[in-house]
Amino acid sequence: MSFISLDLAKQYLNVIHDFDDLKLQMLLDGAEDEATQFIERTLSDLVEEDVIESSSEIINENTLPSSVVLAVMMLLQGAYQATPEDAERLRKGAEIKLTPFRIGWGI
């Protein structure tokens, strides 16, 4: 289950049909996984403490930092609708957005 909704991902990609929903969900899950591997922590680690303590709050794209959501969307776009060259640019842009959240630099 993704933190970011399929509806938001489709809006970002300007997809208005349902034909690719399964593929998009798989790519969205993969983009979130790629982001977590890069930052070396889970997306739930980025949610503010007071949101986690509130039992009525649902953890989703609204509780994640906006730059993290955008980074995941960039990774998704690279996988779904970009040329190989553009996909590499999107990945580098996503890494720039995710870098402030990364831990374990090994320095």
N, C-alpha and C. Protein backbone atom coordinates (compact mmCIF):
# COMPACT_ATOMS: atom_id res chain seq x y z
N MET A 1 0.84 -1.18 0.00
CA MET A 1 0.00 0.00 0.00
C MET A 1 0.88 1.25 0.00
N SER A 2 0.62 2.13 -0.91
CA SER A 2 1.41 3.34 -1.06
C SER A 2 0.98 4.42 -0.07
N PHE A 3 1.92 5.26 0.28
CA PHE A 3 1.61 6.46 1.05
C PHE A 3 0.92 7.47 0.15
N ILE A 4 1.34 7.52 -1.10
CA ILE A 4 0.81 8.48 -2.06
C ILE A 4 -0.30 7.80 -2.84
N SER A 5 -1.43 8.48 -2.96
CA SER A 5 -2.59 7.87 -3.61
C SER A 5 -2.40 7.79 -5.12
N LEU A 6 -3.02 6.78 -5.70
CA LEU A 6 -3.00 6.62 -7.14
C LEU A 6 -3.67 7.81 -7.82
N ASP A 7 -4.70 8.35 -7.22
CA ASP A 7 -5.39 9.51 -7.80
C ASP A 7 -4.44 10.71 -7.92
N LEU A 8 -3.66 10.97 -6.89
CA LEU A 8 -2.71 12.07 -6.94
C LEU A 8 -1.65 11.81 -8.01
N ALA A 9 -1.18 10.58 -8.10
CA ALA A 9 -0.18 10.24 -9.11
C ALA A 9 -0.74 10.44 -10.51
N LYS A 10 -1.98 10.05 -10.73
CA LYS A 10 -2.60 10.23 -12.04
C LYS A 10 -2.78 11.70 -12.36
N GLN A 11 -3.12 12.51 -11.37
CA GLN A 11 -3.23 13.95 -11.60
C GLN A 11 -1.88 14.53 -11.98
N TYR A 12 -0.84 14.12 -11.29
CA TYR A 12 0.51 14.62 -11.59
C TYR A 12 0.92 14.26 -13.02
N LEU A 13 0.59 13.06 -13.44
CA LEU A 13 0.98 12.58 -14.76
C LEU A 13 -0.01 12.96 -15.86
N ASN A 14 -1.09 13.63 -15.49
CA ASN A 14 -2.16 13.98 -16.44
C ASN A 14 -2.77 12.75 -17.11
N VAL A 15 -2.97 11.70 -16.34
CA VAL A 15 -3.60 10.48 -16.83
C VAL A 15 -5.08 10.54 -16.45
N ILE A 16 -5.95 10.46 -17.46
CA ILE A 16 -7.39 10.59 -17.20
C ILE A 16 -8.15 9.28 -17.40
N HIS A 17 -7.44 8.22 -17.75
CA HIS A 17 -8.09 6.93 -17.98
C HIS A 17 -7.72 5.94 -16.87
N ASP A 18 -8.41 4.82 -16.86
CA ASP A 18 -8.16 3.79 -15.85
C ASP A 18 -7.41 2.58 -16.40
N PHE A 19 -7.03 2.62 -17.67
CA PHE A 19 -6.42 1.46 -18.31
C PHE A 19 -5.11 1.04 -17.67
N ASP A 20 -4.35 1.98 -17.19
CA ASP A 20 -3.03 1.69 -16.65
C ASP A 20 -2.97 1.70 -15.13
N ASP A 21 -4.11 1.61 -14.47
CA ASP A 21 -4.12 1.74 -13.00
C ASP A 21 -3.23 0.71 -12.31
N LEU A 22 -3.28 -0.54 -12.75
CA LEU A 22 -2.44 -1.57 -12.12
C LEU A 22 -0.97 -1.29 -12.35
N LYS A 23 -0.64 -0.92 -13.58
CA LYS A 23 0.76 -0.59 -13.91
C LYS A 23 1.22 0.64 -13.12
N LEU A 24 0.38 1.67 -13.07
CA LEU A 24 0.74 2.88 -12.33
C LEU A 24 0.93 2.60 -10.84
N GLN A 25 0.08 1.76 -10.26
CA GLN A 25 0.22 1.42 -8.85
C GLN A 25 1.53 0.69 -8.60
N MET A 26 1.88 -0.22 -9.50
CA MET A 26 3.14 -0.94 -9.36
C MET A 26 4.32 0.02 -9.47
N LEU A 27 4.26 0.94 -10.43
CA LEU A 27 5.34 1.91 -10.60
C LEU A 27 5.41 2.89 -9.43
N LEU A 28 4.25 3.27 -8.89
CA LEU A 28 4.21 4.15 -7.72
C LEU A 28 4.83 3.46 -6.51
N ASP A 29 4.49 2.20 -6.30
CA ASP A 29 5.10 1.43 -5.21
C ASP A 29 6.61 1.35 -5.39
N GLY A 30 7.04 1.12 -6.64
CA GLY A 30 8.47 1.05 -6.93
C GLY A 30 9.17 2.39 -6.70
N ALA A 31 8.52 3.49 -7.06
CA ALA A 31 9.09 4.82 -6.86
C ALA A 31 9.23 5.11 -5.37
N GLU A 32 8.22 4.75 -4.59
CA GLU A 32 8.32 4.94 -3.14
C GLU A 32 9.44 4.09 -2.56
N ASP A 33 9.57 2.86 -3.04
CA ASP A 33 10.63 1.98 -2.56
C ASP A 33 12.00 2.54 -2.92
N GLU A 34 12.13 3.06 -4.13
CA GLU A 34 13.40 3.66 -4.55
C GLU A 34 13.76 4.86 -3.67
N ALA A 35 12.76 5.66 -3.34
CA ALA A 35 12.99 6.81 -2.47
C ALA A 35 13.44 6.35 -1.08
N THR A 36 12.80 5.33 -0.54
CA THR A 36 13.18 4.85 0.80
C THR A 36 14.59 4.26 0.79
N GLN A 37 14.97 3.60 -0.29
CA GLN A 37 16.32 3.07 -0.39
C GLN A 37 17.35 4.19 -0.44
N PHE A 38 17.02 5.27 -1.15
CA PHE A 38 17.95 6.39 -1.26
C PHE A 38 18.14 7.09 0.08
N ILE A 39 17.04 7.33 0.79
CA ILE A 39 17.16 8.05 2.07
C ILE A 39 17.51 7.13 3.23
N GLU A 40 17.51 5.83 2.98
CA GLU A 40 17.86 4.81 3.97
C GLU A 40 16.98 4.87 5.21
N ARG A 41 15.69 5.15 5.00
CA ARG A 41 14.69 5.12 6.07
C ARG A 41 13.33 4.99 5.41
N THR A 42 12.32 4.69 6.19
CA THR A 42 10.98 4.54 5.63
C THR A 42 10.30 5.90 5.50
N LEU A 43 9.31 5.98 4.65
CA LEU A 43 8.57 7.23 4.50
C LEU A 43 7.84 7.59 5.79
N SER A 44 7.42 6.59 6.54
CA SER A 44 6.74 6.88 7.81
C SER A 44 7.68 7.55 8.80
N ASP A 45 9.00 7.36 8.64
CA ASP A 45 9.98 8.06 9.50
C ASP A 45 9.94 9.57 9.27
N LEU A 46 9.43 10.01 8.13
CA LEU A 46 9.43 11.43 7.79
C LEU A 46 8.17 12.16 8.24
N VAL A 47 7.21 11.39 8.74
CA VAL A 47 5.97 11.99 9.20
C VAL A 47 6.21 12.61 10.57
N GLU A 48 5.65 13.79 10.78
CA GLU A 48 5.86 14.49 12.04
C GLU A 48 5.35 13.68 13.22
N GLU A 49 6.03 13.80 14.34
CA GLU A 49 5.70 13.03 15.55
C GLU A 49 4.25 13.20 15.98
N ASP A 50 3.72 14.44 15.95
CA ASP A 50 2.36 14.65 16.43
C ASP A 50 1.32 14.00 15.54
N VAL A 51 1.65 13.81 14.26
CA VAL A 51 0.73 13.13 13.35
C VAL A 51 0.69 11.64 13.67
N ILE A 52 1.84 11.07 13.97
CA ILE A 52 1.90 9.64 14.30
C ILE A 52 1.14 9.36 15.59
N GLU A 53 1.24 10.26 16.57
CA GLU A 53 0.59 10.05 17.86
C GLU A 53 -0.93 10.20 17.78
N SER A 54 -1.43 10.89 16.76
CA SER A 54 -2.86 11.09 16.61
C SER A 54 -3.47 9.87 15.93
N SER A 55 -4.29 9.15 16.64
CA SER A 55 -4.87 7.91 16.09
C SER A 55 -5.88 8.18 14.99
N SER A 56 -6.42 9.39 14.94
CA SER A 56 -7.41 9.70 13.92
C SER A 56 -6.78 10.14 12.60
N GLU A 57 -5.50 10.40 12.60
CA GLU A 57 -4.81 10.90 11.41
C GLU A 57 -4.36 9.73 10.53
N ILE A 58 -4.62 9.85 9.25
CA ILE A 58 -4.17 8.85 8.29
C ILE A 58 -2.87 9.33 7.70
N ILE A 59 -1.88 8.47 7.66
CA ILE A 59 -0.60 8.84 7.08
C ILE A 59 -0.71 8.68 5.57
N ASN A 60 -0.54 9.79 4.83
CA ASN A 60 -0.62 9.78 3.38
C ASN A 60 0.24 10.90 2.83
N GLU A 61 0.03 11.25 1.55
CA GLU A 61 0.85 12.28 0.94
C GLU A 61 0.69 13.64 1.62
N ASN A 62 -0.42 13.85 2.33
CA ASN A 62 -0.63 15.12 3.01
C ASN A 62 0.20 15.25 4.28
N THR A 63 0.69 14.15 4.80
CA THR A 63 1.48 14.18 6.03
C THR A 63 2.98 14.07 5.74
N LEU A 64 3.35 13.77 4.51
CA LEU A 64 4.75 13.70 4.12
C LEU A 64 5.23 15.09 3.69
N PRO A 65 6.51 15.37 3.84
CA PRO A 65 7.03 16.63 3.32
C PRO A 65 6.77 16.73 1.81
N SER A 66 6.37 17.90 1.37
CA SER A 66 6.01 18.10 -0.05
C SER A 66 7.16 17.75 -0.99
N SER A 67 8.37 18.05 -0.59
CA SER A 67 9.51 17.74 -1.47
C SER A 67 9.70 16.24 -1.64
N VAL A 68 9.34 15.46 -0.64
CA VAL A 68 9.43 14.01 -0.75
C VAL A 68 8.35 13.49 -1.71
N VAL A 69 7.15 14.03 -1.58
CA VAL A 69 6.07 13.64 -2.49
C VAL A 69 6.46 13.97 -3.93
N LEU A 70 7.01 15.16 -4.14
CA LEU A 70 7.43 15.55 -5.49
C LEU A 70 8.53 14.65 -6.01
N ALA A 71 9.47 14.29 -5.15
CA ALA A 71 10.56 13.39 -5.57
C ALA A 71 10.01 12.04 -6.01
N VAL A 72 9.07 11.50 -5.26
CA VAL A 72 8.46 10.21 -5.64
C VAL A 72 7.74 10.35 -6.97
N MET A 73 7.05 11.47 -7.17
CA MET A 73 6.34 11.70 -8.43
C MET A 73 7.32 11.80 -9.60
N MET A 74 8.46 12.42 -9.36
CA MET A 74 9.48 12.51 -10.41
C MET A 74 10.02 11.13 -10.78
N LEU A 75 10.24 10.29 -9.78
CA LEU A 75 10.68 8.92 -10.05
C LEU A 75 9.61 8.15 -10.82
N LEU A 76 8.35 8.35 -10.43
CA LEU A 76 7.24 7.70 -11.13
C LEU A 76 7.17 8.17 -12.57
N GLN A 77 7.28 9.46 -12.79
CA GLN A 77 7.23 9.99 -14.15
C GLN A 77 8.36 9.43 -15.00
N GLY A 78 9.52 9.31 -14.42
CA GLY A 78 10.65 8.74 -15.14
C GLY A 78 10.40 7.31 -15.58
N ALA A 79 9.72 6.56 -14.75
CA ALA A 79 9.43 5.16 -15.06
C ALA A 79 8.25 5.01 -16.03
N TYR A 80 7.32 5.96 -16.00
CA TYR A 80 6.07 5.80 -16.75
C TYR A 80 6.07 6.48 -18.12
N GLN A 81 6.59 7.70 -18.20
CA GLN A 81 6.39 8.42 -19.44
C GLN A 81 7.59 9.23 -19.92
N ALA A 82 8.78 8.87 -19.54
CA ALA A 82 9.95 9.64 -19.94
C ALA A 82 10.86 8.82 -20.84
N THR A 83 11.61 9.54 -21.69
CA THR A 83 12.66 8.90 -22.46
C THR A 83 13.77 8.49 -21.50
N PRO A 84 14.66 7.61 -21.90
CA PRO A 84 15.75 7.23 -20.99
C PRO A 84 16.58 8.43 -20.52
N GLU A 85 16.82 9.40 -21.41
CA GLU A 85 17.59 10.58 -21.02
C GLU A 85 16.81 11.42 -20.01
N ASP A 86 15.52 11.63 -20.27
CA ASP A 86 14.69 12.40 -19.35
C ASP A 86 14.51 11.66 -18.02
N ALA A 87 14.42 10.34 -18.08
CA ALA A 87 14.28 9.56 -16.84
C ALA A 87 15.50 9.76 -15.95
N GLU A 88 16.68 9.81 -16.54
CA GLU A 88 17.90 10.04 -15.76
C GLU A 88 17.89 11.43 -15.14
N ARG A 89 17.41 12.43 -15.88
CA ARG A 89 17.32 13.79 -15.33
C ARG A 89 16.30 13.85 -14.19
N LEU A 90 15.18 13.17 -14.37
CA LEU A 90 14.17 13.14 -13.31
C LEU A 90 14.70 12.45 -12.06
N ARG A 91 15.45 11.37 -12.25
CA ARG A 91 16.04 10.66 -11.11
C ARG A 91 17.02 11.55 -10.36
N LYS A 92 17.85 12.28 -11.09
CA LYS A 92 18.80 13.19 -10.44
C LYS A 92 18.06 14.30 -9.70
N GLY A 93 17.00 14.81 -10.29
CA GLY A 93 16.20 15.83 -9.62
C GLY A 93 15.55 15.29 -8.36
N ALA A 94 15.06 14.06 -8.43
CA ALA A 94 14.46 13.43 -7.25
C ALA A 94 15.49 13.25 -6.15
N GLU A 95 16.69 12.85 -6.52
CA GLU A 95 17.75 12.68 -5.52
C GLU A 95 18.09 14.00 -4.84
N ILE A 96 18.06 15.09 -5.59
CA ILE A 96 18.31 16.41 -5.00
C ILE A 96 17.23 16.73 -3.97
N LYS A 97 15.98 16.43 -4.30
CA LYS A 97 14.88 16.68 -3.37
C LYS A 97 14.97 15.80 -2.14
N LEU A 98 15.46 14.56 -2.29
CA LEU A 98 15.51 13.60 -1.19
C LEU A 98 16.76 13.74 -0.32
N THR A 99 17.81 14.35 -0.83
CA THR A 99 19.07 14.42 -0.11
C THR A 99 18.96 14.98 1.31
N PRO A 100 18.18 16.04 1.57
CA PRO A 100 18.09 16.53 2.96
C PRO A 100 17.52 15.51 3.95
N PHE A 101 16.83 14.49 3.45
CA PHE A 101 16.21 13.50 4.32
C PHE A 101 17.05 12.23 4.46
N ARG A 102 18.17 12.19 3.75
CA ARG A 102 18.99 10.98 3.72
C ARG A 102 19.81 10.85 5.01
N ILE A 103 19.91 9.62 5.48
CA ILE A 103 20.77 9.32 6.64
C ILE A 103 21.79 8.27 6.22
N GLY A 104 22.74 8.00 7.06
CA GLY A 104 23.70 6.92 6.79
C GLY A 104 24.63 7.21 5.64
N TRP A 105 25.16 8.41 5.59
CA TRP A 105 26.07 8.78 4.50
C TRP A 105 27.37 8.01 4.56
N GLY A 106 27.69 7.43 5.70
CA GLY A 106 28.93 6.66 5.81
C GLY A 106 30.16 7.54 5.93
N ILE A 107 29.97 8.74 6.40
CA ILE A 107 31.10 9.67 6.52
C ILE A 107 31.62 9.62 7.94
